[in-house]
Amino acid sequence: MVNGLQLRKLFVLVVAAAMLAGCTMPAPNLPPTVSLLVTPEPATPTAGPTLLPAVVETATALALGTVNPPAEQSPTAEAEITGSPAASATGGAASATPSPFGPTGRPGPVQTATPIFLDDPVDDPALPPGCQAMRTVQPGEWLQLIADDYGLTWQALAAANGLADPEKLTAGQVLCIPAPGVTVTPPGTTGSGSRTPTPPPGNGLAILSFDAGPSPVERGNVVQLSWTVRAANSVSLYRMLFDPKTALWFRQESPAYMGTGNGNLTLPVANDAREALRFELVAHDATDKSVGVQSAVLPLLCYVPFYVSPPEPNSCRSAPKTVPGEFQTFEFGYMLWRSDTGEVFILPQRPDDFLAWTIQLPESDPIDVGPAPTGFEAPGFRFSAVWATLDAQQLGGSGLLRDALGWATAPSESYDLTLQPRLDSRYSMFDVVFVSFPDDRIAMLTTGGGLPVPGMFGPAWSFIDR
């Protein structure tokens, strides 16, 4: 029978083989401009990131819709809303449905969406004769997609608008949506066949503007959204997910916000976000007609490694963080302490043994462990409580951590500890956090999915080749 330790060893071998072969793994079909690489200013620690020209594909939105991280790893800060008194914010669901509003293809280059209009054709003098509505073409839309929204053929839509080449649509172009069974004379048609765009109607249901930013967005930061609507009884805001298999955007079933009228909304960006962000605004009138518009894609802000490293095309690193820390070497591993959280990293390193690791918060004050054997040192002030009390069975040993690590071989020392998480855009099992040692070595800690949190037992760690 295969025991738990053997299974963990097998997992490490599989992960290591997959990571070594990562450069040959087929990458998913990702949207362009989903992350921007930046590098921190080494000379000025407080300076903002500097944008680099490199653009890297790093988002897999659909994966997040099916793999839910633990609740404690996903921030759920309440949205800040400025708008009508009826406004309310709700959490978005993980499941998604196709959006009936364009664009649903690859993202457009602009951040501010082109206004969309939908008007009642009955006794509306702003509509051209025979048109049931006017539709503004959005980036990434094509004629058949628009025709499907109204139950029309693309041929009827092309004829109503005098389109000589139905494959050539321009974002911002306004189309007449013909009423069923009505022959429409294309407005603005000249003898040469060119067409003057029809101006949008001046009344009826409309989304006049929809803005989202900043772009790119940083993990742990916020997104600001604002919109203006006309003749709308209600508005709903949805988060969107990108499906790399179909290269289409889908909206989540539950809205992130519901309200009325114009509004401003602040939404948090999760610390463990691994996808570009996109939103869809849908407005409804008194007759339950609706019109929707999607924001531009907001790419994630990704940082270069804090050490010299080859390119990482399928991952997005958070900003490196340097804090005062302590370090101590033991007979069979290492212990590290970070001052900002009080967390202790335990990295066992026993010959021919499984290299799991853990991160813990001391559950008691420092403990007097007594004198160390000759030639060894007692664990330092920051490490004694964890060293003396932690059960080490999940690290591949038996009994207490003190038996797994042994005694310290040198006194603890203070240094500047740098940490940097890296989330893989394809497979969360390859998520890692990089941690610096006092001698400039870098340890790569595989988390098995998500960011490291106290109490986590990671499946493997190793030093990286530099």
Protein backbone atom coordinates (compact mmCIF):
# COMPACT_ATOMS: atom_id res chain seq x y z
CA MET A 1 0.00 0.00 0.00
CA VAL A 2 1.29 3.46 -0.87
CA ASN A 3 1.51 5.66 2.22
CA GLY A 4 1.01 9.45 2.40
CA LEU A 5 4.72 10.21 2.29
CA GLN A 6 5.23 8.17 -0.87
CA LEU A 7 2.29 9.96 -2.48
CA ARG A 8 3.79 13.34 -1.64
CA LYS A 9 7.13 12.28 -3.07
CA LEU A 10 5.40 11.16 -6.24
CA PHE A 11 3.61 14.53 -6.42
CA VAL A 12 6.93 16.38 -6.15
CA LEU A 13 8.40 14.32 -8.98
CA VAL A 14 5.37 15.06 -11.16
CA VAL A 15 5.50 18.79 -10.38
CA ALA A 16 9.24 18.95 -11.00
CA ALA A 17 8.93 17.14 -14.32
CA ALA A 18 6.08 19.38 -15.42
CA MET A 19 7.95 22.56 -14.46
CA LEU A 20 11.06 21.41 -16.33
CA ALA A 21 8.91 20.70 -19.35
CA GLY A 22 6.90 23.90 -18.96
CA CYS A 23 8.46 25.53 -22.01
CA THR A 24 6.99 22.82 -24.23
CA MET A 25 3.50 22.81 -22.74
CA PRO A 26 0.79 24.17 -25.03
CA ALA A 27 -0.37 27.55 -23.76
CA PRO A 28 -4.10 28.34 -23.80
CA ASN A 29 -5.61 30.73 -26.29
CA LEU A 30 -5.33 33.93 -24.26
CA PRO A 31 -6.55 37.45 -25.00
CA PRO A 32 -3.86 39.92 -26.03
CA THR A 33 -2.62 42.61 -23.64
CA VAL A 34 -3.65 40.78 -20.50
CA SER A 35 -0.65 41.82 -18.42
CA LEU A 36 2.09 44.41 -18.47
CA LEU A 37 5.54 43.82 -17.06
CA VAL A 38 6.96 46.44 -14.77
CA THR A 39 10.16 46.66 -12.79
CA PRO A 40 10.55 48.38 -9.42
CA GLU A 41 13.04 51.21 -9.05
CA PRO A 42 15.96 49.75 -7.06
CA ALA A 43 17.39 53.16 -6.14
CA THR A 44 14.10 54.51 -4.77
CA PRO A 45 12.12 51.84 -2.86
CA THR A 46 9.05 54.07 -2.62
CA ALA A 47 8.94 54.89 -6.33
CA GLY A 48 6.14 53.52 -8.49
CA PRO A 49 6.71 50.79 -11.08
CA THR A 50 8.23 51.63 -14.43
CA LEU A 51 6.36 50.26 -17.43
CA LEU A 52 8.38 48.11 -19.79
CA PRO A 53 7.46 47.61 -23.46
CA ALA A 54 7.09 43.85 -23.03
CA VAL A 55 3.55 42.50 -23.06
CA VAL A 56 2.97 39.00 -21.71
CA GLU A 57 -0.09 36.76 -21.96
CA THR A 58 -0.96 35.68 -18.43
CA ALA A 59 -4.71 35.38 -17.78
CA THR A 60 -6.93 32.33 -17.60
CA ALA A 61 -10.28 33.65 -16.52
CA LEU A 62 -12.33 30.49 -16.97
CA ALA A 63 -10.11 28.54 -14.60
CA LEU A 64 -11.07 30.86 -11.76
CA GLY A 65 -14.71 30.17 -12.49
CA THR A 66 -14.24 26.46 -11.76
CA VAL A 67 -11.46 26.35 -9.18
CA ASN A 68 -12.48 28.33 -6.10
CA PRO A 69 -9.59 29.25 -3.76
CA PRO A 70 -10.10 29.00 0.02
CA ALA A 71 -12.26 31.78 1.37
CA GLU A 72 -9.49 33.19 3.52
CA GLN A 73 -7.30 33.70 0.45
CA SER A 74 -9.88 35.66 -1.55
CA PRO A 75 -10.50 39.20 -0.30
CA THR A 76 -14.18 40.07 -0.12
CA ALA A 77 -13.99 43.75 0.72
CA GLU A 78 -17.27 45.57 0.25
CA ALA A 79 -17.59 47.82 -2.77
CA GLU A 80 -17.76 51.57 -2.30
CA ILE A 81 -20.76 52.88 -4.21
CA THR A 82 -21.74 56.42 -5.11
CA GLY A 83 -25.03 56.61 -6.96
CA SER A 84 -28.73 56.33 -6.42
CA PRO A 85 -30.16 55.46 -2.98
CA ALA A 86 -31.44 52.17 -4.41
CA ALA A 87 -27.94 51.00 -5.29
CA SER A 88 -26.64 47.79 -3.73
CA ALA A 89 -23.52 45.66 -4.21
CA THR A 90 -23.60 41.88 -4.32
CA GLY A 91 -20.95 39.21 -4.70
CA GLY A 92 -20.48 37.71 -8.16
CA ALA A 93 -21.04 34.01 -8.75
CA ALA A 94 -18.37 31.73 -10.15
CA SER A 95 -20.54 30.37 -12.95
CA ALA A 96 -20.83 32.28 -16.21
CA THR A 97 -23.19 32.62 -19.16
CA PRO A 98 -22.59 33.97 -22.66
CA SER A 99 -23.19 37.70 -22.88
CA PRO A 100 -25.83 38.84 -25.43
CA PHE A 101 -24.07 42.16 -25.84
CA GLY A 102 -20.91 42.76 -27.84
CA PRO A 103 -18.07 42.71 -28.04
CA THR A 104 -17.62 39.03 -27.18
CA GLY A 105 -14.43 38.51 -29.15
CA ARG A 106 -10.94 39.81 -28.51
CA PRO A 107 -10.69 43.10 -26.64
CA GLY A 108 -10.59 46.50 -28.27
CA PRO A 109 -7.80 49.00 -27.67
CA VAL A 110 -9.79 51.74 -25.95
CA GLN A 111 -10.63 52.09 -22.28
CA THR A 112 -13.83 54.14 -22.59
CA ALA A 113 -16.65 52.21 -24.24
CA THR A 114 -18.58 53.68 -27.16
CA PRO A 115 -22.14 54.57 -26.08
CA ILE A 116 -24.86 52.07 -26.98
CA PHE A 117 -28.42 53.12 -27.76
CA LEU A 118 -31.66 51.15 -27.92
CA ASP A 119 -34.91 52.97 -28.70
CA ASP A 120 -38.56 52.05 -29.04
CA PRO A 121 -39.43 52.21 -32.76
CA VAL A 122 -43.08 53.11 -32.13
CA ASP A 123 -43.76 56.79 -32.80
CA ASP A 124 -40.11 57.68 -32.32
CA PRO A 125 -39.20 60.50 -34.72
CA ALA A 126 -35.49 59.99 -34.01
CA LEU A 127 -35.48 56.57 -35.73
CA PRO A 128 -35.19 56.37 -39.53
CA PRO A 129 -38.23 54.83 -41.26
CA GLY A 130 -38.36 51.03 -40.93
CA CYS A 131 -35.73 50.85 -38.16
CA GLN A 132 -36.75 49.25 -34.88
CA ALA A 133 -33.55 50.36 -33.13
CA MET A 134 -30.09 51.80 -33.72
CA ARG A 135 -26.99 49.84 -32.73
CA THR A 136 -23.46 51.18 -32.25
CA VAL A 137 -20.78 48.71 -33.34
CA GLN A 138 -18.37 47.80 -30.55
CA PRO A 139 -14.72 46.72 -30.95
CA GLY A 140 -14.55 43.02 -31.84
CA GLU A 141 -18.13 42.72 -33.16
CA TRP A 142 -19.07 41.34 -36.56
CA LEU A 143 -22.28 41.53 -38.58
CA GLN A 144 -23.64 38.04 -37.86
CA LEU A 145 -23.10 38.55 -34.12
CA ILE A 146 -25.18 41.74 -34.17
CA ALA A 147 -27.86 40.19 -36.40
CA ASP A 148 -28.23 37.25 -33.99
CA ASP A 149 -29.04 39.66 -31.15
CA TYR A 150 -32.19 40.75 -33.02
CA GLY A 151 -33.18 37.48 -34.72
CA LEU A 152 -32.14 38.75 -38.16
CA THR A 153 -29.96 37.43 -40.95
CA TRP A 154 -26.74 39.25 -41.66
CA GLN A 155 -27.95 39.77 -45.25
CA ALA A 156 -31.00 41.72 -44.03
CA LEU A 157 -28.84 43.81 -41.72
CA ALA A 158 -26.33 44.53 -44.47
CA ALA A 159 -29.11 45.52 -46.92
CA ALA A 160 -30.77 47.86 -44.43
CA ASN A 161 -27.49 49.69 -43.94
CA GLY A 162 -26.16 49.64 -47.50
CA LEU A 163 -23.04 47.70 -46.56
CA ALA A 164 -21.15 46.90 -49.75
CA ASP A 165 -18.66 44.76 -47.79
CA PRO A 166 -20.34 43.16 -44.76
CA GLU A 167 -16.98 42.12 -43.33
CA LYS A 168 -15.83 45.71 -42.89
CA LEU A 169 -17.38 47.15 -39.75
CA THR A 170 -15.89 50.04 -37.81
CA ALA A 171 -16.12 50.44 -34.06
CA GLY A 172 -18.47 53.36 -33.41
CA GLN A 173 -20.41 52.85 -36.64
CA VAL A 174 -24.19 53.14 -36.07
CA LEU A 175 -26.39 50.50 -37.71
CA CYS A 176 -30.12 50.55 -38.38
CA ILE A 177 -31.79 47.42 -37.01
CA PRO A 178 -34.65 46.80 -39.48
CA ALA A 179 -38.09 45.86 -38.21
CA PRO A 180 -39.17 42.33 -39.26
CA GLY A 181 -40.70 42.22 -42.72
CA VAL A 182 -39.84 45.86 -43.49
CA THR A 183 -37.66 46.93 -46.40
CA VAL A 184 -35.42 49.75 -45.31
CA THR A 185 -33.88 52.29 -47.67
CA PRO A 186 -30.36 52.80 -46.38
CA PRO A 187 -30.16 56.40 -45.09
CA GLY A 188 -27.36 58.65 -46.20
CA THR A 189 -26.61 56.64 -49.36
CA THR A 190 -25.07 58.66 -52.17
CA GLY A 191 -24.78 57.87 -55.87
CA SER A 192 -21.27 56.54 -55.35
CA GLY A 193 -22.50 53.98 -52.80
CA SER A 194 -20.80 55.58 -49.80
CA ARG A 195 -22.88 55.93 -46.63
CA THR A 196 -23.03 58.75 -44.15
CA PRO A 197 -23.33 57.33 -40.62
CA THR A 198 -26.73 57.90 -39.04
CA PRO A 199 -26.47 59.99 -35.86
CA PRO A 200 -27.65 58.26 -32.69
CA PRO A 201 -31.19 58.98 -31.53
CA GLY A 202 -31.78 61.67 -28.96
CA ASN A 203 -34.16 59.85 -26.64
CA GLY A 204 -35.02 56.37 -25.43
CA LEU A 205 -32.97 53.85 -23.44
CA ALA A 206 -29.24 54.41 -23.71
CA ILE A 207 -25.90 53.86 -21.99
CA LEU A 208 -24.16 57.15 -22.70
CA SER A 209 -20.80 56.33 -21.13
CA PHE A 210 -19.06 53.53 -19.26
CA ASP A 211 -15.52 53.98 -17.92
CA ALA A 212 -13.26 51.56 -16.03
CA GLY A 213 -9.75 52.03 -14.69
CA PRO A 214 -6.94 52.22 -13.92
CA SER A 215 -5.30 50.21 -16.66
CA PRO A 216 -3.32 48.15 -15.89
CA VAL A 217 -4.67 47.13 -12.47
CA GLU A 218 -2.58 45.93 -9.55
CA ARG A 219 -3.44 43.06 -7.24
CA GLY A 220 -4.73 44.25 -3.90
CA ASN A 221 -5.74 47.60 -5.39
CA VAL A 222 -9.18 48.75 -6.60
CA VAL A 223 -11.00 49.34 -9.89
CA GLN A 224 -13.03 52.53 -10.37
CA LEU A 225 -16.11 52.28 -12.61
CA SER A 226 -18.50 55.06 -13.64
CA TRP A 227 -21.41 55.30 -16.05
CA THR A 228 -24.19 57.54 -17.28
CA VAL A 229 -27.48 56.19 -18.64
CA ARG A 230 -30.66 57.59 -20.17
CA ALA A 231 -34.28 56.43 -19.66
CA ALA A 232 -33.07 53.50 -17.55
CA ASN A 233 -35.17 52.11 -14.70
CA SER A 234 -32.36 49.85 -13.47
CA VAL A 235 -28.73 49.02 -14.15
CA SER A 236 -26.73 45.86 -13.40
CA LEU A 237 -22.95 45.48 -13.45
CA TYR A 238 -21.39 42.08 -14.13
CA ARG A 239 -17.85 40.79 -13.88
CA MET A 240 -16.70 38.93 -16.99
CA LEU A 241 -14.60 35.80 -17.47
CA PHE A 242 -12.45 34.95 -20.48
CA ASP A 243 -12.63 31.43 -21.91
CA PRO A 244 -9.25 30.62 -23.52
CA LYS A 245 -10.74 27.68 -25.43
CA THR A 246 -13.30 29.72 -27.34
CA ALA A 247 -11.51 33.09 -27.08
CA LEU A 248 -14.83 34.60 -25.90
CA TRP A 249 -15.80 36.66 -22.87
CA PHE A 250 -18.61 35.40 -20.64
CA ARG A 251 -20.41 37.29 -17.92
CA GLN A 252 -21.00 35.87 -14.46
CA GLU A 253 -24.59 34.93 -13.66
CA SER A 254 -24.93 37.11 -10.58
CA PRO A 255 -24.29 40.85 -10.88
CA ALA A 256 -21.60 42.51 -8.80
CA TYR A 257 -23.87 45.56 -8.47
CA MET A 258 -27.52 46.47 -9.00
CA GLY A 259 -28.99 49.97 -8.83
CA THR A 260 -30.65 52.76 -10.76
CA GLY A 261 -29.42 55.74 -12.73
CA ASN A 262 -25.91 57.07 -13.10
CA GLY A 263 -23.28 55.79 -10.71
CA ASN A 264 -19.70 55.39 -9.53
CA LEU A 265 -18.43 52.11 -8.12
CA THR A 266 -15.21 50.98 -6.46
CA LEU A 267 -14.44 47.26 -6.53
CA PRO A 268 -11.45 45.49 -4.93
CA VAL A 269 -8.89 43.55 -6.95
CA ALA A 270 -8.01 40.26 -5.23
CA ASN A 271 -4.45 39.72 -4.02
CA ASP A 272 -4.46 36.39 -5.84
CA ALA A 273 -6.00 37.62 -9.11
CA ARG A 274 -4.49 35.85 -12.10
CA GLU A 275 -6.62 37.23 -14.95
CA ALA A 276 -7.29 40.48 -16.73
CA LEU A 277 -10.49 42.23 -15.63
CA ARG A 278 -13.52 43.16 -17.69
CA PHE A 279 -17.01 44.35 -16.81
CA GLU A 280 -20.40 44.58 -18.51
CA LEU A 281 -23.08 47.16 -17.76
CA VAL A 282 -26.71 46.34 -18.62
CA ALA A 283 -29.51 48.93 -18.44
CA HIS A 284 -33.27 48.16 -18.47
CA ASP A 285 -36.20 50.49 -19.16
CA ALA A 286 -39.80 50.37 -17.95
CA THR A 287 -40.80 47.91 -20.69
CA ASP A 288 -37.94 45.57 -19.73
CA LYS A 289 -35.97 46.34 -22.87
CA SER A 290 -32.26 46.19 -22.22
CA VAL A 291 -29.01 47.45 -23.65
CA GLY A 292 -25.49 46.53 -22.57
CA VAL A 293 -21.91 47.57 -23.11
CA GLN A 294 -18.61 46.03 -22.06
CA SER A 295 -15.57 47.83 -20.73
CA ALA A 296 -12.17 47.51 -22.28
CA VAL A 297 -9.93 44.77 -20.89
CA LEU A 298 -7.94 45.91 -17.83
CA PRO A 299 -4.66 43.96 -17.82
CA LEU A 300 -2.93 42.90 -14.63
CA LEU A 301 0.18 44.76 -13.56
CA CYS A 302 3.01 42.22 -13.42
CA TYR A 303 6.51 42.76 -12.02
CA VAL A 304 9.88 41.43 -13.08
CA PRO A 305 11.73 39.14 -10.61
CA PHE A 306 13.79 40.83 -7.91
CA TYR A 307 16.78 38.78 -9.11
CA VAL A 308 18.14 37.95 -12.57
CA SER A 309 15.80 35.39 -14.15
CA PRO A 310 14.83 34.17 -17.63
CA PRO A 311 11.45 35.28 -19.09
CA GLU A 312 8.30 33.77 -17.59
CA PRO A 313 5.64 33.97 -20.33
CA ASN A 314 2.85 32.15 -18.46
CA SER A 315 2.95 33.75 -15.05
CA CYS A 316 2.46 37.10 -13.35
CA ARG A 317 4.53 38.15 -10.37
CA SER A 318 3.30 40.50 -7.70
CA ALA A 319 5.51 43.32 -6.50
CA PRO A 320 8.48 42.11 -4.45
CA LYS A 321 8.37 43.07 -0.78
CA THR A 322 11.45 43.57 1.39
CA VAL A 323 11.06 43.54 5.18
CA PRO A 324 13.37 43.07 8.16
CA GLY A 325 13.78 39.38 8.82
CA GLU A 326 15.75 36.78 10.71
CA PHE A 327 17.38 33.57 9.54
CA GLN A 328 18.89 30.52 11.20
CA THR A 329 20.48 27.36 9.83
CA PHE A 330 19.74 24.01 11.50
CA GLU A 331 21.17 20.52 11.15
CA PHE A 332 18.47 19.56 8.67
CA GLY A 333 17.01 22.75 7.28
CA TYR A 334 16.32 26.43 7.83
CA MET A 335 13.94 28.79 9.62
CA LEU A 336 13.09 32.32 8.45
CA TRP A 337 11.03 35.03 10.14
CA ARG A 338 9.36 38.07 8.54
CA SER A 339 8.78 41.09 10.74
CA ASP A 340 5.68 42.53 9.03
CA THR A 341 3.46 39.50 9.74
CA GLY A 342 5.38 37.55 12.40
CA GLU A 343 5.23 34.44 10.22
CA VAL A 344 7.90 31.76 10.44
CA PHE A 345 8.92 29.76 7.37
CA ILE A 346 10.23 26.25 8.09
CA LEU A 347 12.23 24.64 5.29
CA PRO A 348 13.46 21.13 6.22
CA GLN A 349 16.34 19.73 4.19
CA ARG A 350 17.08 16.15 5.14
CA PRO A 351 19.08 13.94 2.80
CA ASP A 352 16.87 11.65 0.71
CA ASP A 353 13.75 12.97 2.42
CA PHE A 354 10.68 14.77 1.18
CA LEU A 355 11.25 18.55 1.02
CA ALA A 356 7.89 19.85 2.17
CA TRP A 357 7.72 23.22 3.94
CA THR A 358 5.32 25.16 6.13
CA ILE A 359 4.54 28.67 7.32
CA GLN A 360 3.39 29.16 10.91
CA LEU A 361 2.52 31.83 13.44
CA PRO A 362 3.97 31.18 16.91
CA GLU A 363 1.17 30.21 19.29
CA SER A 364 3.07 31.19 22.42
CA ASP A 365 5.81 33.45 23.69
CA PRO A 366 9.41 32.34 23.13
CA ILE A 367 10.26 29.14 25.00
CA ASP A 368 13.41 28.35 26.97
CA VAL A 369 14.54 25.13 25.28
CA GLY A 370 17.57 24.67 27.50
CA PRO A 371 21.22 24.51 26.51
CA ALA A 372 22.17 23.12 23.12
CA PRO A 373 24.59 20.21 22.78
CA THR A 374 28.24 21.06 22.38
CA GLY A 375 28.94 22.51 18.94
CA PHE A 376 25.32 23.56 18.33
CA GLU A 377 23.11 26.55 19.05
CA ALA A 378 19.63 26.86 20.52
CA PRO A 379 16.92 28.22 18.20
CA GLY A 380 16.72 31.98 18.14
CA PHE A 381 14.24 34.17 20.00
CA ARG A 382 11.84 34.25 17.01
CA PHE A 383 11.99 30.51 16.37
CA SER A 384 11.99 28.75 19.73
CA ALA A 385 8.21 28.44 20.21
CA VAL A 386 7.58 26.90 16.80
CA TRP A 387 10.71 24.71 16.97
CA ALA A 388 9.72 23.25 20.34
CA THR A 389 5.98 22.69 19.83
CA LEU A 390 5.13 22.14 16.14
CA ASP A 391 4.06 18.66 15.05
CA ALA A 392 6.32 17.75 12.14
CA GLN A 393 4.51 14.73 10.70
CA GLN A 394 3.21 16.75 7.71
CA LEU A 395 6.80 17.60 6.86
CA GLY A 396 7.63 13.97 6.29
CA GLY A 397 8.96 13.33 9.76
CA SER A 398 7.51 12.07 13.03
CA GLY A 399 7.17 13.79 16.35
CA LEU A 400 8.09 17.42 16.93
CA LEU A 401 9.75 19.85 14.57
CA ARG A 402 12.82 19.91 16.84
CA ASP A 403 13.40 16.26 15.92
CA ALA A 404 12.97 16.93 12.21
CA LEU A 405 15.23 20.03 12.05
CA GLY A 406 17.71 19.18 14.78
CA TRP A 407 19.63 21.88 16.65
CA ALA A 408 20.82 25.09 15.08
CA THR A 409 24.32 25.10 13.63
CA ALA A 410 24.80 28.87 13.93
CA PRO A 411 23.20 31.77 15.81
CA SER A 412 20.22 33.50 14.22
CA GLU A 413 21.02 36.57 12.13
CA SER A 414 19.07 39.61 10.97
CA TYR A 415 18.85 40.56 7.30
CA ASP A 416 16.59 42.13 4.69
CA LEU A 417 14.15 39.42 3.64
CA THR A 418 12.58 39.73 0.18
CA LEU A 419 9.47 37.78 -0.86
CA GLN A 420 7.68 37.70 -4.22
CA PRO A 421 4.67 35.54 -5.15
CA ARG A 422 4.25 34.24 -8.70
CA LEU A 423 0.87 32.95 -9.84
CA ASP A 424 0.80 30.69 -12.89
CA SER A 425 -1.80 31.66 -15.49
CA ARG A 426 -2.34 28.07 -16.63
CA TYR A 427 -2.20 25.78 -13.61
CA SER A 428 -2.51 26.89 -9.98
CA MET A 429 -0.46 23.86 -8.87
CA PHE A 430 2.59 25.76 -10.16
CA ASP A 431 2.02 28.82 -7.95
CA VAL A 432 5.16 29.65 -5.98
CA VAL A 433 6.64 32.25 -3.67
CA PHE A 434 10.31 33.22 -3.89
CA VAL A 435 12.20 33.98 -0.66
CA SER A 436 15.70 35.40 -0.32
CA PHE A 437 18.41 34.04 1.98
CA PRO A 438 21.16 36.15 3.63
CA ASP A 439 23.79 34.62 1.31
CA ASP A 440 21.81 35.73 -1.80
CA ARG A 441 20.44 32.27 -2.51
CA ILE A 442 16.78 32.20 -3.56
CA ALA A 443 14.35 29.53 -2.34
CA MET A 444 11.34 28.65 -4.51
CA LEU A 445 8.40 27.44 -2.41
CA THR A 446 5.63 25.66 -4.32
CA THR A 447 2.29 26.45 -2.68
CA GLY A 448 0.15 23.92 -4.55
CA GLY A 449 -2.31 26.69 -5.38
CA GLY A 450 -2.69 30.30 -4.22
CA LEU A 451 -0.71 32.57 -1.93
CA PRO A 452 1.07 31.32 1.21
CA VAL A 453 -0.93 31.72 4.43
CA PRO A 454 -0.19 30.72 8.04
CA GLY A 455 -0.81 27.04 8.64
CA MET A 456 -0.10 26.09 5.02
CA PHE A 457 2.00 23.02 4.35
CA GLY A 458 3.56 23.42 0.92
CA PRO A 459 4.28 20.34 -1.19
CA ALA A 460 7.89 21.14 -2.13
CA TRP A 461 10.69 23.70 -2.10
CA SER A 462 14.14 24.01 -3.62
CA PHE A 463 16.90 26.50 -4.35
CA ILE A 464 16.79 28.00 -7.84
CA ASP A 465 19.76 27.98 -10.20
CA ARG A 466 21.13 31.47 -10.81
